[in-house]
Amino acid sequence: MKMYCQKCDGTNIRIHVDLTVSIDADHAHRINKTTFRDKEVELWSANWPKAQVICNDCGFVSIGC
C-alpha cells in the first residue's frame, strides 16, 4: 500500500514510531542492528497513534497511522 502526503500528494514518506522492546540487561544502552538479531530481544509494541508521518518533499508532518 503506497502512502501519499496529505498536503502535496508526494510519495517520499518517512515514518517515525516509538517501539517497545524487551531486552536483557546485557544489551542496555547498546541497542543497534546486531542487538535486534539476538533471539532474546523481543519487539512488544509500536505506538502507531502517535507516529509521525513525514513528507520528505514538502516537510509536512501528520500524527498517527
PDB file of N, CA and C in Angstrom:
ATOM      1  N   MET A   1       0.830  -1.167   0.000  1.00  0.00           N
ATOM      2  CA  MET A   1       0.000   0.000   0.000  1.00  0.00           C
ATOM      3  C   MET A   1       0.885   1.245   0.000  1.00  0.00           C
ATOM      4  N   LYS A   2       0.716   2.073  -0.971  1.00  0.00           N
ATOM      5  CA  LYS A   2       1.505   3.287  -1.136  1.00  0.00           C
ATOM      6  C   LYS A   2       0.911   4.402  -0.281  1.00  0.00           C
ATOM      7  N   MET A   3       1.770   5.105   0.455  1.00  0.00           N
ATOM      8  CA  MET A   3       1.303   6.239   1.251  1.00  0.00           C
ATOM      9  C   MET A   3       1.552   7.527   0.482  1.00  0.00           C
ATOM     10  N   TYR A   4       0.636   8.468   0.627  1.00  0.00           N
ATOM     11  CA  TYR A   4       0.741   9.758  -0.046  1.00  0.00           C
ATOM     12  C   TYR A   4       0.674  10.876   0.989  1.00  0.00           C
ATOM     13  N   CYS A   5       1.409  11.946   0.746  1.00  0.00           N
ATOM     14  CA  CYS A   5       1.368  13.120   1.600  1.00  0.00           C
ATOM     15  C   CYS A   5      -0.011  13.765   1.511  1.00  0.00           C
ATOM     16  N   GLN A   6      -0.551  14.166   2.644  1.00  0.00           N
ATOM     17  CA  GLN A   6      -1.867  14.805   2.684  1.00  0.00           C
ATOM     18  C   GLN A   6      -1.834  16.211   2.085  1.00  0.00           C
ATOM     19  N   LYS A   7      -0.634  16.811   2.037  1.00  0.00           N
ATOM     20  CA  LYS A   7      -0.526  18.187   1.555  1.00  0.00           C
ATOM     21  C   LYS A   7      -0.175  18.270   0.071  1.00  0.00           C
ATOM     22  N   CYS A   8       0.867  17.514  -0.354  1.00  0.00           N
ATOM     23  CA  CYS A   8       1.358  17.661  -1.730  1.00  0.00           C
ATOM     24  C   CYS A   8       1.162  16.413  -2.595  1.00  0.00           C
ATOM     25  N   ASP A   9       0.582  15.341  -2.046  1.00  0.00           N
ATOM     26  CA  ASP A   9       0.386  14.056  -2.735  1.00  0.00           C
ATOM     27  C   ASP A   9       1.693  13.367  -3.127  1.00  0.00           C
ATOM     28  N   GLY A  10       2.812  13.788  -2.519  1.00  0.00           N
ATOM     29  CA  GLY A  10       4.097  13.129  -2.780  1.00  0.00           C
ATOM     30  C   GLY A  10       4.143  11.750  -2.148  1.00  0.00           C
ATOM     31  N   THR A  11       5.061  10.916  -2.639  1.00  0.00           N
ATOM     32  CA  THR A  11       5.195   9.560  -2.108  1.00  0.00           C
ATOM     33  C   THR A  11       6.515   9.343  -1.373  1.00  0.00           C
ATOM     34  N   ASN A  12       7.294  10.388  -1.189  1.00  0.00           N
ATOM     35  CA  ASN A  12       8.581  10.313  -0.499  1.00  0.00           C
ATOM     36  C   ASN A  12       8.326  10.490   1.000  1.00  0.00           C
ATOM     37  N   ILE A  13       7.839   9.426   1.647  1.00  0.00           N
ATOM     38  CA  ILE A  13       7.340   9.462   3.019  1.00  0.00           C
ATOM     39  C   ILE A  13       8.265   8.673   3.943  1.00  0.00           C
ATOM     40  N   ARG A  14       8.475   9.220   5.164  1.00  0.00           N
ATOM     41  CA  ARG A  14       9.180   8.505   6.232  1.00  0.00           C
ATOM     42  C   ARG A  14       8.247   8.447   7.431  1.00  0.00           C
ATOM     43  N   ILE A  15       8.367   7.407   8.243  1.00  0.00           N
ATOM     44  CA  ILE A  15       7.546   7.274   9.445  1.00  0.00           C
ATOM     45  C   ILE A  15       8.465   7.110  10.647  1.00  0.00           C
ATOM     46  N   HIS A  16       8.220   7.932  11.667  1.00  0.00           N
ATOM     47  CA  HIS A  16       8.931   7.806  12.938  1.00  0.00           C
ATOM     48  C   HIS A  16       7.939   7.263  13.963  1.00  0.00           C
ATOM     49  N   VAL A  17       8.274   6.135  14.567  1.00  0.00           N
ATOM     50  CA  VAL A  17       7.361   5.499  15.522  1.00  0.00           C
ATOM     51  C   VAL A  17       8.161   5.029  16.736  1.00  0.00           C
ATOM     52  N   ASP A  18       7.576   5.187  17.923  1.00  0.00           N
ATOM     53  CA  ASP A  18       8.190   4.702  19.155  1.00  0.00           C
ATOM     54  C   ASP A  18       7.889   3.220  19.305  1.00  0.00           C
ATOM     55  N   LEU A  19       8.931   2.441  19.615  1.00  0.00           N
ATOM     56  CA  LEU A  19       8.787   0.999  19.789  1.00  0.00           C
ATOM     57  C   LEU A  19       9.037   0.618  21.242  1.00  0.00           C
ATOM     58  N   THR A  20       8.366  -0.437  21.693  1.00  0.00           N
ATOM     59  CA  THR A  20       8.630  -1.025  22.997  1.00  0.00           C
ATOM     60  C   THR A  20       9.281  -2.379  22.757  1.00  0.00           C
ATOM     61  N   VAL A  21      10.474  -2.566  23.327  1.00  0.00           N
ATOM     62  CA  VAL A  21      11.191  -3.825  23.162  1.00  0.00           C
ATOM     63  C   VAL A  21      11.543  -4.395  24.527  1.00  0.00           C
ATOM     64  N   SER A  22      11.651  -5.697  24.583  1.00  0.00           N
ATOM     65  CA  SER A  22      12.094  -6.395  25.781  1.00  0.00           C
ATOM     66  C   SER A  22      13.509  -6.894  25.510  1.00  0.00           C
ATOM     67  N   ILE A  23      14.471  -6.456  26.335  1.00  0.00           N
ATOM     68  CA  ILE A  23      15.876  -6.843  26.141  1.00  0.00           C
ATOM     69  C   ILE A  23      16.481  -7.299  27.460  1.00  0.00           C
ATOM     70  N   ASP A  24      17.540  -8.091  27.360  1.00  0.00           N
ATOM     71  CA  ASP A  24      18.312  -8.472  28.538  1.00  0.00           C
ATOM     72  C   ASP A  24      19.100  -7.264  29.033  1.00  0.00           C
ATOM     73  N   ALA A  25      19.443  -7.272  30.300  1.00  0.00           N
ATOM     74  CA  ALA A  25      20.220  -6.182  30.871  1.00  0.00           C
ATOM     75  C   ALA A  25      21.580  -6.042  30.183  1.00  0.00           C
ATOM     76  N   ASP A  26      22.082  -7.138  29.600  1.00  0.00           N
ATOM     77  CA  ASP A  26      23.376  -7.097  28.899  1.00  0.00           C
ATOM     78  C   ASP A  26      23.342  -6.144  27.709  1.00  0.00           C
ATOM     79  N   HIS A  27      22.166  -5.910  27.143  1.00  0.00           N
ATOM     80  CA  HIS A  27      22.030  -5.059  25.968  1.00  0.00           C
ATOM     81  C   HIS A  27      21.685  -3.605  26.306  1.00  0.00           C
ATOM     82  N   ALA A  28      21.553  -3.305  27.586  1.00  0.00           N
ATOM     83  CA  ALA A  28      21.174  -1.948  27.983  1.00  0.00           C
ATOM     84  C   ALA A  28      22.172  -0.943  27.426  1.00  0.00           C
ATOM     85  N   HIS A  29      21.667   0.124  26.852  1.00  0.00           N
ATOM     86  CA  HIS A  29      22.459   1.220  26.281  1.00  0.00           C
ATOM     87  C   HIS A  29      23.284   0.783  25.069  1.00  0.00           C
ATOM     88  N   ARG A  30      22.996  -0.388  24.508  1.00  0.00           N
ATOM     89  CA  ARG A  30      23.717  -0.868  23.330  1.00  0.00           C
ATOM     90  C   ARG A  30      22.727  -1.422  22.306  1.00  0.00           C
ATOM     91  N   ILE A  31      21.696  -0.675  22.014  1.00  0.00           N
ATOM     92  CA  ILE A  31      20.703  -1.139  21.054  1.00  0.00           C
ATOM     93  C   ILE A  31      21.134  -0.726  19.653  1.00  0.00           C
ATOM     94  N   ASN A  32      21.351  -1.721  18.789  1.00  0.00           N
ATOM     95  CA  ASN A  32      21.745  -1.492  17.402  1.00  0.00           C
ATOM     96  C   ASN A  32      21.197  -2.637  16.549  1.00  0.00           C
ATOM     97  N   LYS A  33      21.574  -2.687  15.287  1.00  0.00           N
ATOM     98  CA  LYS A  33      21.059  -3.745  14.400  1.00  0.00           C
ATOM     99  C   LYS A  33      21.429  -5.134  14.905  1.00  0.00           C
ATOM    100  N   THR A  34      22.630  -5.280  15.406  1.00  0.00           N
ATOM    101  CA  THR A  34      23.089  -6.577  15.899  1.00  0.00           C
ATOM    102  C   THR A  34      22.257  -7.017  17.102  1.00  0.00           C
ATOM    103  N   THR A  35      21.935  -6.089  17.983  1.00  0.00           N
ATOM    104  CA  THR A  35      21.128  -6.406  19.155  1.00  0.00           C
ATOM    105  C   THR A  35      19.774  -6.976  18.748  1.00  0.00           C
ATOM    106  N   PHE A  36      19.148  -6.405  17.717  1.00  0.00           N
ATOM    107  CA  PHE A  36      17.834  -6.876  17.293  1.00  0.00           C
ATOM    108  C   PHE A  36      17.875  -8.279  16.686  1.00  0.00           C
ATOM    109  N   ARG A  37      19.034  -8.767  16.296  1.00  0.00           N
ATOM    110  CA  ARG A  37      19.148 -10.132  15.762  1.00  0.00           C
ATOM    111  C   ARG A  37      19.175 -11.184  16.865  1.00  0.00           C
ATOM    112  N   ASP A  38      19.458 -10.757  18.093  1.00  0.00           N
ATOM    113  CA  ASP A  38      19.549 -11.678  19.223  1.00  0.00           C
ATOM    114  C   ASP A  38      18.168 -12.266  19.511  1.00  0.00           C
ATOM    115  N   LYS A  39      18.102 -13.580  19.734  1.00  0.00           N
ATOM    116  CA  LYS A  39      16.813 -14.240  19.958  1.00  0.00           C
ATOM    117  C   LYS A  39      16.171 -13.818  21.275  1.00  0.00           C
ATOM    118  N   GLU A  40      16.931 -13.229  22.184  1.00  0.00           N
ATOM    119  CA  GLU A  40      16.392 -12.779  23.464  1.00  0.00           C
ATOM    120  C   GLU A  40      15.699 -11.417  23.368  1.00  0.00           C
ATOM    121  N   VAL A  41      15.883 -10.707  22.275  1.00  0.00           N
ATOM    122  CA  VAL A  41      15.274  -9.389  22.095  1.00  0.00           C
ATOM    123  C   VAL A  41      13.907  -9.569  21.431  1.00  0.00           C
ATOM    124  N   GLU A  42      12.882  -8.981  22.056  1.00  0.00           N
ATOM    125  CA  GLU A  42      11.521  -9.126  21.544  1.00  0.00           C
ATOM    126  C   GLU A  42      10.905  -7.750  21.319  1.00  0.00           C
ATOM    127  N   LEU A  43      10.290  -7.563  20.168  1.00  0.00           N
ATOM    128  CA  LEU A  43       9.521  -6.369  19.878  1.00  0.00           C
ATOM    129  C   LEU A  43       8.119  -6.584  20.436  1.00  0.00           C
ATOM    130  N   TRP A  44       7.702  -5.725  21.355  1.00  0.00           N
ATOM    131  CA  TRP A  44       6.403  -5.903  22.005  1.00  0.00           C
ATOM    132  C   TRP A  44       5.319  -5.046  21.374  1.00  0.00           C
ATOM    133  N   SER A  45       5.625  -3.797  21.047  1.00  0.00           N
ATOM    134  CA  SER A  45       4.562  -2.948  20.505  1.00  0.00           C
ATOM    135  C   SER A  45       5.133  -1.739  19.791  1.00  0.00           C
ATOM    136  N   ALA A  46       4.276  -1.089  19.015  1.00  0.00           N
ATOM    137  CA  ALA A  46       4.604   0.174  18.343  1.00  0.00           C
ATOM    138  C   ALA A  46       3.478   1.158  18.661  1.00  0.00           C
ATOM    139  N   ASN A  47       3.835   2.398  18.922  1.00  0.00           N
ATOM    140  CA  ASN A  47       2.850   3.418  19.275  1.00  0.00           C
ATOM    141  C   ASN A  47       2.358   4.112  18.006  1.00  0.00           C
ATOM    142  N   TRP A  48       1.547   3.407  17.220  1.00  0.00           N
ATOM    143  CA  TRP A  48       1.066   3.933  15.944  1.00  0.00           C
ATOM    144  C   TRP A  48       0.205   5.182  16.072  1.00  0.00           C
ATOM    145  N   PRO A  49      -0.623   5.328  17.104  1.00  0.00           N
ATOM    146  CA  PRO A  49      -1.429   6.545  17.191  1.00  0.00           C
ATOM    147  C   PRO A  49      -0.597   7.835  17.302  1.00  0.00           C
ATOM    148  N   LYS A  50       0.624   7.732  17.804  1.00  0.00           N
ATOM    149  CA  LYS A  50       1.463   8.924  17.938  1.00  0.00           C
ATOM    150  C   LYS A  50       2.627   8.942  16.938  1.00  0.00           C
ATOM    151  N   ALA A  51       2.612   8.055  15.975  1.00  0.00           N
ATOM    152  CA  ALA A  51       3.663   8.016  14.950  1.00  0.00           C
ATOM    153  C   ALA A  51       3.633   9.302  14.132  1.00  0.00           C
ATOM    154  N   GLN A  52       4.796   9.747  13.691  1.00  0.00           N
ATOM    155  CA  GLN A  52       4.901  10.929  12.845  1.00  0.00           C
ATOM    156  C   GLN A  52       5.124  10.477  11.412  1.00  0.00           C
ATOM    157  N   VAL A  53       4.230  10.895  10.518  1.00  0.00           N
ATOM    158  CA  VAL A  53       4.350  10.606   9.094  1.00  0.00           C
ATOM    159  C   VAL A  53       4.896  11.876   8.453  1.00  0.00           C
ATOM    160  N   ILE A  54       6.105  11.793   7.898  1.00  0.00           N
ATOM    161  CA  ILE A  54       6.819  12.979   7.426  1.00  0.00           C
ATOM    162  C   ILE A  54       7.029  12.896   5.920  1.00  0.00           C
ATOM    163  N   CYS A  55       6.646  13.952   5.211  1.00  0.00           N
ATOM    164  CA  CYS A  55       6.874  14.041   3.775  1.00  0.00           C
ATOM    165  C   CYS A  55       8.242  14.667   3.545  1.00  0.00           C
ATOM    166  N   ASN A  56       9.117  13.953   2.874  1.00  0.00           N
ATOM    167  CA  ASN A  56      10.456  14.472   2.576  1.00  0.00           C
ATOM    168  C   ASN A  56      10.437  15.505   1.455  1.00  0.00           C
ATOM    169  N   ASP A  57       9.348  15.583   0.704  1.00  0.00           N
ATOM    170  CA  ASP A  57       9.259  16.560  -0.392  1.00  0.00           C
ATOM    171  C   ASP A  57       8.878  17.941   0.120  1.00  0.00           C
ATOM    172  N   CYS A  58       7.814  18.044   0.922  1.00  0.00           N
ATOM    173  CA  CYS A  58       7.340  19.363   1.358  1.00  0.00           C
ATOM    174  C   CYS A  58       7.531  19.611   2.857  1.00  0.00           C
ATOM    175  N   GLY A  59       7.912  18.571   3.633  1.00  0.00           N
ATOM    176  CA  GLY A  59       8.155  18.734   5.053  1.00  0.00           C
ATOM    177  C   GLY A  59       6.914  18.661   5.918  1.00  0.00           C
ATOM    178  N   PHE A  60       5.771  18.338   5.333  1.00  0.00           N
ATOM    179  CA  PHE A  60       4.524  18.236   6.103  1.00  0.00           C
ATOM    180  C   PHE A  60       4.600  17.052   7.060  1.00  0.00           C
ATOM    181  N   VAL A  61       4.130  17.257   8.299  1.00  0.00           N
ATOM    182  CA  VAL A  61       4.124  16.210   9.313  1.00  0.00           C
ATOM    183  C   VAL A  61       2.691  15.988   9.770  1.00  0.00           C
ATOM    184  N   SER A  62       2.244  14.737   9.742  1.00  0.00           N
ATOM    185  CA  SER A  62       0.947  14.401  10.317  1.00  0.00           C
ATOM    186  C   SER A  62       1.174  13.377  11.415  1.00  0.00           C
ATOM    187  N   ILE A  63       0.269  13.328  12.348  1.00  0.00           N
ATOM    188  CA  ILE A  63       0.406  12.445  13.513  1.00  0.00           C
ATOM    189  C   ILE A  63      -0.579  11.293  13.393  1.00  0.00           C
ATOM    190  N   GLY A  64      -0.079  10.064  13.588  1.00  0.00           N
ATOM    191  CA  GLY A  64      -0.917   8.871  13.593  1.00  0.00           C
ATOM    192  C   GLY A  64      -0.940   8.147  12.256  1.00  0.00           C
ATOM    193  N   CYS A  65      -0.955   6.831  12.346  1.00  0.00           N
ATOM    194  CA  CYS A  65      -1.051   5.974  11.160  1.00  0.00           C
ATOM    195  C   CYS A  65      -2.286   5.116  11.248  1.00  0.00           C
TER     196      CYS A  65
END
